[in-house]
Each structure stands twice: as C-alpha cells, then as structure tokens.
Amino acid sequence: SGFWWVQAGCIYVGGRLWHPNSNSDALTYNPGRWVAGRDTHCLGDDNNYHPCPLVMTNTKVFLTNWGINNWGARGEIRNLEAYDTQRAAGIIGTHYVNNMLSVCRTGRSPLQP
C-alpha cells in the first residue's frame, strides 16, 4: 500500500461512518481524517456507550509505506510487527504501543514464480 499517497497505511483508522438520517439504515462514509479524531465507544454494563480504546493485537504489516495509520482519539496496539516499511505506525491522539518489532529493510528479494 502507499503507492498513491506516501502516508497511506496498510491499516487505516480515521474516517467517519455515520447514519445521516435516523430513520434509515443507510450509512455515509468520509475516508478523510476526521477533525476531532475517531472517537471509539463501547457498550457498557449500563447499556450506554462510553469512551474506550480501540485495541489491536498480534498485528503484522509489511511492504507498505506506513504500517498503521491511526487518527483515532485513543487506542492500544499490542504485539505489532512491521517489516519492509517506511514507518511502522503513524498515530495521533492518546495511544499505547506495547511490544513492537520494526524492521525497515529485511533485504529479502521478491520471489519469482
């Protein structure tokens, strides 16, 4: 990924998906970075939605400009492996990265069939 835009991520979080009309199941999506950051909410025991982190676990990315491009408000990335990337992750907001391996250039050649 990242052929058309140098900051394109193999995994992208940050657009906005919403119901423009409350009387319809139709959804609208804006793929651009949402100004306030993507705000993640989880359903609590009280049946109300509360702010919570978006958690990614055991994620591998390779052959990309940016591995993860996350414009979310909060999150946690656990066990990230990034190979042959320009940047392992580009994140804004409040995020934690736990246990990350980044190998910018592995030296591997493409396999010929």
N, C-alpha and C. Protein backbone atom coordinates (compact mmCIF):
# COMPACT_ATOMS: atom_id res chain seq x y z
N SER A 1 0.84 -1.18 0.00
CA SER A 1 0.00 0.00 0.00
C SER A 1 0.88 1.24 0.00
N GLY A 2 0.29 2.35 -0.19
CA GLY A 2 1.04 3.60 -0.17
C GLY A 2 1.56 4.03 -1.51
N PHE A 3 1.11 3.38 -2.57
CA PHE A 3 1.58 3.73 -3.90
C PHE A 3 1.07 5.11 -4.33
N TRP A 4 -0.20 5.40 -4.04
CA TRP A 4 -0.80 6.66 -4.48
C TRP A 4 -0.58 7.80 -3.50
N TRP A 5 -0.30 7.49 -2.26
CA TRP A 5 -0.07 8.54 -1.25
C TRP A 5 1.01 8.05 -0.31
N VAL A 6 2.03 8.85 -0.10
CA VAL A 6 3.21 8.43 0.67
C VAL A 6 2.87 8.10 2.13
N GLN A 7 1.79 8.67 2.67
CA GLN A 7 1.43 8.39 4.06
C GLN A 7 0.30 7.35 4.18
N ALA A 8 0.01 6.66 3.11
CA ALA A 8 -1.06 5.66 3.17
C ALA A 8 -0.65 4.50 4.07
N GLY A 9 -1.56 4.07 4.90
CA GLY A 9 -1.28 2.97 5.80
C GLY A 9 -1.84 1.66 5.29
N CYS A 10 -1.17 0.59 5.64
CA CYS A 10 -1.67 -0.74 5.33
C CYS A 10 -2.97 -0.97 6.10
N ILE A 11 -3.02 -0.46 7.33
CA ILE A 11 -4.24 -0.46 8.15
C ILE A 11 -4.55 1.00 8.44
N TYR A 12 -5.76 1.44 8.08
CA TYR A 12 -6.14 2.84 8.26
C TYR A 12 -7.36 2.94 9.17
N VAL A 13 -7.25 3.80 10.18
CA VAL A 13 -8.36 4.11 11.08
C VAL A 13 -8.46 5.62 11.13
N GLY A 14 -9.62 6.16 10.83
CA GLY A 14 -9.73 7.60 10.95
C GLY A 14 -10.84 8.24 10.17
N GLY A 15 -11.49 7.52 9.31
CA GLY A 15 -12.62 8.10 8.60
C GLY A 15 -13.83 8.20 9.52
N ARG A 16 -14.91 8.68 8.96
CA ARG A 16 -16.13 8.80 9.75
C ARG A 16 -17.24 8.04 9.06
N LEU A 17 -17.91 7.16 9.79
CA LEU A 17 -19.03 6.38 9.31
C LEU A 17 -20.24 6.74 10.17
N TRP A 18 -21.35 7.18 9.54
CA TRP A 18 -22.49 7.62 10.32
C TRP A 18 -23.80 7.44 9.55
N HIS A 19 -24.88 7.52 10.31
CA HIS A 19 -26.23 7.50 9.75
C HIS A 19 -26.68 8.95 9.57
N PRO A 20 -26.75 9.46 8.34
CA PRO A 20 -27.18 10.85 8.16
C PRO A 20 -28.66 11.06 8.46
N ASN A 21 -29.43 9.97 8.43
CA ASN A 21 -30.86 10.05 8.68
C ASN A 21 -31.21 8.98 9.72
N SER A 22 -31.74 9.38 10.84
CA SER A 22 -32.03 8.42 11.91
C SER A 22 -33.16 7.46 11.54
N ASN A 23 -33.89 7.74 10.48
CA ASN A 23 -34.99 6.87 10.06
C ASN A 23 -34.56 5.84 9.03
N SER A 24 -33.26 5.74 8.76
CA SER A 24 -32.77 4.85 7.72
C SER A 24 -31.53 4.09 8.20
N ASP A 25 -31.32 2.90 7.64
CA ASP A 25 -30.11 2.14 7.93
C ASP A 25 -28.97 2.52 7.00
N ALA A 26 -29.21 3.44 6.06
CA ALA A 26 -28.17 3.86 5.12
C ALA A 26 -27.03 4.55 5.87
N LEU A 27 -25.80 4.27 5.44
CA LEU A 27 -24.62 4.84 6.07
C LEU A 27 -23.89 5.74 5.09
N THR A 28 -23.21 6.73 5.62
CA THR A 28 -22.34 7.60 4.83
C THR A 28 -20.93 7.49 5.41
N TYR A 29 -19.93 7.47 4.52
CA TYR A 29 -18.55 7.32 4.97
C TYR A 29 -17.69 8.44 4.38
N ASN A 30 -16.90 9.08 5.23
CA ASN A 30 -15.91 10.05 4.81
C ASN A 30 -14.55 9.44 5.12
N PRO A 31 -13.75 9.10 4.07
CA PRO A 31 -12.48 8.41 4.32
C PRO A 31 -11.38 9.32 4.86
N GLY A 32 -11.58 10.61 4.87
CA GLY A 32 -10.54 11.53 5.32
C GLY A 32 -10.40 11.55 6.83
N ARG A 33 -9.32 12.16 7.27
CA ARG A 33 -9.09 12.27 8.72
C ARG A 33 -10.17 13.14 9.31
N TRP A 34 -10.86 12.62 10.29
CA TRP A 34 -11.91 13.36 10.95
C TRP A 34 -11.27 14.32 11.93
N VAL A 35 -11.69 15.58 11.93
CA VAL A 35 -11.01 16.65 12.66
C VAL A 35 -10.79 16.34 14.13
N ALA A 36 -11.79 15.83 14.81
CA ALA A 36 -11.67 15.58 16.25
C ALA A 36 -11.03 14.23 16.56
N GLY A 37 -10.65 13.49 15.56
CA GLY A 37 -10.12 12.15 15.78
C GLY A 37 -11.26 11.17 15.91
N ARG A 38 -11.03 9.96 15.52
CA ARG A 38 -12.08 8.94 15.60
C ARG A 38 -12.28 8.58 17.06
N ASP A 39 -13.47 8.80 17.56
CA ASP A 39 -13.77 8.56 18.98
C ASP A 39 -14.45 7.20 19.12
N THR A 40 -13.79 6.27 19.79
CA THR A 40 -14.29 4.92 19.95
C THR A 40 -15.14 4.82 21.22
N HIS A 41 -16.30 4.18 21.09
CA HIS A 41 -17.19 3.97 22.23
C HIS A 41 -17.55 2.50 22.33
N CYS A 42 -17.69 2.02 23.57
CA CYS A 42 -18.07 0.63 23.82
C CYS A 42 -19.33 0.59 24.66
N LEU A 43 -20.13 -0.44 24.45
CA LEU A 43 -21.36 -0.61 25.22
C LEU A 43 -21.01 -1.11 26.61
N GLY A 44 -21.44 -0.36 27.61
CA GLY A 44 -21.14 -0.71 29.00
C GLY A 44 -22.21 -1.59 29.62
N ASP A 45 -21.98 -2.02 30.86
CA ASP A 45 -22.94 -2.85 31.59
C ASP A 45 -24.26 -2.12 31.82
N ASP A 46 -24.23 -0.79 31.77
CA ASP A 46 -25.44 0.00 31.98
C ASP A 46 -26.22 0.24 30.67
N ASN A 47 -25.81 -0.46 29.59
CA ASN A 47 -26.43 -0.33 28.26
C ASN A 47 -26.27 1.05 27.65
N ASN A 48 -25.27 1.79 28.09
CA ASN A 48 -24.92 3.08 27.50
C ASN A 48 -23.54 2.96 26.89
N TYR A 49 -23.25 3.81 25.91
CA TYR A 49 -21.94 3.81 25.27
C TYR A 49 -21.01 4.76 26.00
N HIS A 50 -19.78 4.29 26.23
CA HIS A 50 -18.77 5.06 26.94
C HIS A 50 -17.48 5.07 26.12
N PRO A 51 -16.67 6.14 26.23
CA PRO A 51 -15.38 6.17 25.52
C PRO A 51 -14.51 4.99 25.96
N CYS A 52 -13.88 4.36 24.99
CA CYS A 52 -12.98 3.24 25.28
C CYS A 52 -11.91 3.19 24.19
N PRO A 53 -10.79 2.52 24.44
CA PRO A 53 -9.73 2.45 23.44
C PRO A 53 -10.05 1.44 22.34
N LEU A 54 -9.56 1.71 21.14
CA LEU A 54 -9.58 0.74 20.06
C LEU A 54 -8.31 -0.09 20.24
N VAL A 55 -8.44 -1.40 20.43
CA VAL A 55 -7.30 -2.27 20.72
C VAL A 55 -7.02 -3.17 19.52
N MET A 56 -5.77 -3.16 19.06
CA MET A 56 -5.31 -4.07 18.02
C MET A 56 -4.29 -5.00 18.65
N THR A 57 -4.42 -6.31 18.40
CA THR A 57 -3.49 -7.28 18.98
C THR A 57 -2.92 -8.18 17.89
N ASN A 58 -1.65 -8.56 18.09
CA ASN A 58 -0.95 -9.50 17.19
C ASN A 58 -1.11 -9.11 15.73
N THR A 59 -0.67 -7.91 15.40
CA THR A 59 -0.82 -7.36 14.06
C THR A 59 0.51 -7.37 13.33
N LYS A 60 0.51 -7.83 12.07
CA LYS A 60 1.71 -7.80 11.24
C LYS A 60 1.40 -7.00 9.98
N VAL A 61 2.32 -6.12 9.61
CA VAL A 61 2.21 -5.35 8.37
C VAL A 61 3.55 -5.45 7.64
N PHE A 62 3.49 -5.38 6.30
CA PHE A 62 4.72 -5.48 5.53
C PHE A 62 4.51 -4.87 4.16
N LEU A 63 5.64 -4.50 3.52
CA LEU A 63 5.64 -3.95 2.16
C LEU A 63 4.66 -2.78 2.02
N THR A 64 4.83 -1.79 2.88
CA THR A 64 3.94 -0.64 2.87
C THR A 64 4.72 0.61 3.28
N ASN A 65 4.23 1.78 2.91
CA ASN A 65 4.88 3.00 3.37
C ASN A 65 4.70 3.12 4.88
N TRP A 66 3.46 3.22 5.32
CA TRP A 66 3.17 3.26 6.75
C TRP A 66 2.43 1.98 7.11
N GLY A 67 2.78 1.36 8.22
CA GLY A 67 2.11 0.13 8.62
C GLY A 67 0.69 0.39 9.10
N ILE A 68 0.56 1.14 10.18
CA ILE A 68 -0.74 1.52 10.73
C ILE A 68 -0.84 3.03 10.69
N ASN A 69 -1.93 3.53 10.18
CA ASN A 69 -2.21 4.97 10.15
C ASN A 69 -3.48 5.17 10.95
N ASN A 70 -3.34 5.61 12.20
CA ASN A 70 -4.48 5.68 13.12
C ASN A 70 -4.65 7.12 13.60
N TRP A 71 -5.77 7.72 13.19
CA TRP A 71 -6.09 9.08 13.62
C TRP A 71 -7.13 9.07 14.73
N GLY A 72 -7.27 7.96 15.42
CA GLY A 72 -8.27 7.84 16.47
C GLY A 72 -7.93 8.64 17.71
N ALA A 73 -8.92 8.83 18.55
CA ALA A 73 -8.75 9.61 19.78
C ALA A 73 -7.95 8.84 20.83
N ARG A 74 -8.13 7.51 20.87
CA ARG A 74 -7.43 6.70 21.88
C ARG A 74 -7.31 5.27 21.37
N GLY A 75 -6.29 4.59 21.83
CA GLY A 75 -6.13 3.21 21.39
C GLY A 75 -4.93 2.54 22.01
N GLU A 76 -4.82 1.27 21.72
CA GLU A 76 -3.67 0.48 22.18
C GLU A 76 -3.31 -0.51 21.08
N ILE A 77 -2.03 -0.61 20.80
CA ILE A 77 -1.53 -1.56 19.81
C ILE A 77 -0.62 -2.53 20.55
N ARG A 78 -1.00 -3.80 20.57
CA ARG A 78 -0.25 -4.83 21.29
C ARG A 78 0.37 -5.80 20.28
N ASN A 79 1.66 -6.03 20.42
CA ASN A 79 2.37 -7.02 19.59
C ASN A 79 2.31 -6.67 18.10
N LEU A 80 2.86 -5.54 17.75
CA LEU A 80 2.92 -5.10 16.36
C LEU A 80 4.26 -5.52 15.75
N GLU A 81 4.20 -6.14 14.57
CA GLU A 81 5.40 -6.47 13.80
C GLU A 81 5.28 -5.77 12.46
N ALA A 82 6.31 -5.01 12.09
CA ALA A 82 6.32 -4.26 10.82
C ALA A 82 7.61 -4.57 10.09
N TYR A 83 7.48 -5.03 8.84
CA TYR A 83 8.63 -5.39 8.02
C TYR A 83 8.58 -4.64 6.69
N ASP A 84 9.75 -4.19 6.24
CA ASP A 84 9.87 -3.51 4.96
C ASP A 84 8.89 -2.34 4.84
N THR A 85 8.92 -1.49 5.84
CA THR A 85 8.05 -0.32 5.87
C THR A 85 8.90 0.94 5.98
N GLN A 86 8.32 2.04 5.57
CA GLN A 86 8.97 3.33 5.78
C GLN A 86 8.77 3.78 7.23
N ARG A 87 7.56 3.55 7.74
CA ARG A 87 7.23 3.90 9.13
C ARG A 87 6.30 2.82 9.66
N ALA A 88 6.58 2.29 10.83
CA ALA A 88 5.76 1.22 11.39
C ALA A 88 4.35 1.70 11.71
N ALA A 89 4.23 2.90 12.27
CA ALA A 89 2.91 3.42 12.65
C ALA A 89 2.93 4.94 12.67
N GLY A 90 1.84 5.51 12.26
CA GLY A 90 1.60 6.95 12.39
C GLY A 90 0.32 7.12 13.18
N ILE A 91 0.41 7.67 14.39
CA ILE A 91 -0.76 7.77 15.24
C ILE A 91 -0.85 9.15 15.87
N ILE A 92 -2.08 9.61 16.08
CA ILE A 92 -2.33 10.82 16.85
C ILE A 92 -3.32 10.46 17.94
N GLY A 93 -3.51 11.32 18.87
CA GLY A 93 -4.38 11.01 20.00
C GLY A 93 -3.58 10.37 21.11
N THR A 94 -4.26 9.72 22.02
CA THR A 94 -3.62 9.05 23.15
C THR A 94 -3.60 7.55 22.86
N HIS A 95 -2.42 7.02 22.59
CA HIS A 95 -2.27 5.61 22.24
C HIS A 95 -1.09 5.01 23.01
N TYR A 96 -1.19 3.72 23.24
CA TYR A 96 -0.09 2.96 23.84
C TYR A 96 0.34 1.90 22.83
N VAL A 97 1.63 1.75 22.67
CA VAL A 97 2.18 0.70 21.82
C VAL A 97 2.99 -0.21 22.72
N ASN A 98 2.57 -1.45 22.81
CA ASN A 98 3.23 -2.43 23.67
C ASN A 98 3.80 -3.56 22.83
N ASN A 99 5.11 -3.80 22.96
CA ASN A 99 5.78 -4.92 22.31
C ASN A 99 5.74 -4.78 20.78
N MET A 100 6.61 -3.94 20.26
CA MET A 100 6.65 -3.69 18.82
C MET A 100 8.02 -4.06 18.25
N LEU A 101 8.00 -4.71 17.08
CA LEU A 101 9.21 -5.02 16.33
C LEU A 101 9.09 -4.32 14.98
N SER A 102 10.08 -3.50 14.63
CA SER A 102 10.08 -2.80 13.35
C SER A 102 11.39 -3.08 12.63
N VAL A 103 11.30 -3.70 11.46
CA VAL A 103 12.46 -3.98 10.62
C VAL A 103 12.22 -3.25 9.31
N CYS A 104 12.89 -2.10 9.14
CA CYS A 104 12.63 -1.26 7.97
C CYS A 104 12.96 -1.96 6.66
N ARG A 105 14.10 -2.62 6.58
CA ARG A 105 14.53 -3.29 5.34
C ARG A 105 15.05 -4.68 5.68
N THR A 106 14.32 -5.70 5.26
CA THR A 106 14.74 -7.06 5.59
C THR A 106 15.79 -7.59 4.62
N GLY A 107 15.92 -6.97 3.44
CA GLY A 107 16.87 -7.46 2.46
C GLY A 107 16.34 -8.60 1.62
N ARG A 108 15.09 -8.96 1.81
CA ARG A 108 14.50 -10.06 1.03
C ARG A 108 14.22 -9.61 -0.38
N SER A 109 14.44 -10.48 -1.32
CA SER A 109 14.14 -10.21 -2.72
C SER A 109 12.81 -10.83 -3.07
N PRO A 110 12.08 -10.23 -4.03
CA PRO A 110 10.80 -10.83 -4.44
C PRO A 110 11.05 -12.22 -5.02
N LEU A 111 10.16 -13.14 -4.74
CA LEU A 111 10.26 -14.50 -5.27
C LEU A 111 9.69 -14.54 -6.67
N GLN A 112 10.40 -15.20 -7.56
CA GLN A 112 9.95 -15.35 -8.95
C GLN A 112 9.25 -16.69 -9.09
N PRO A 113 8.05 -16.71 -9.69
CA PRO A 113 7.35 -17.99 -9.85
C PRO A 113 8.04 -18.90 -10.86
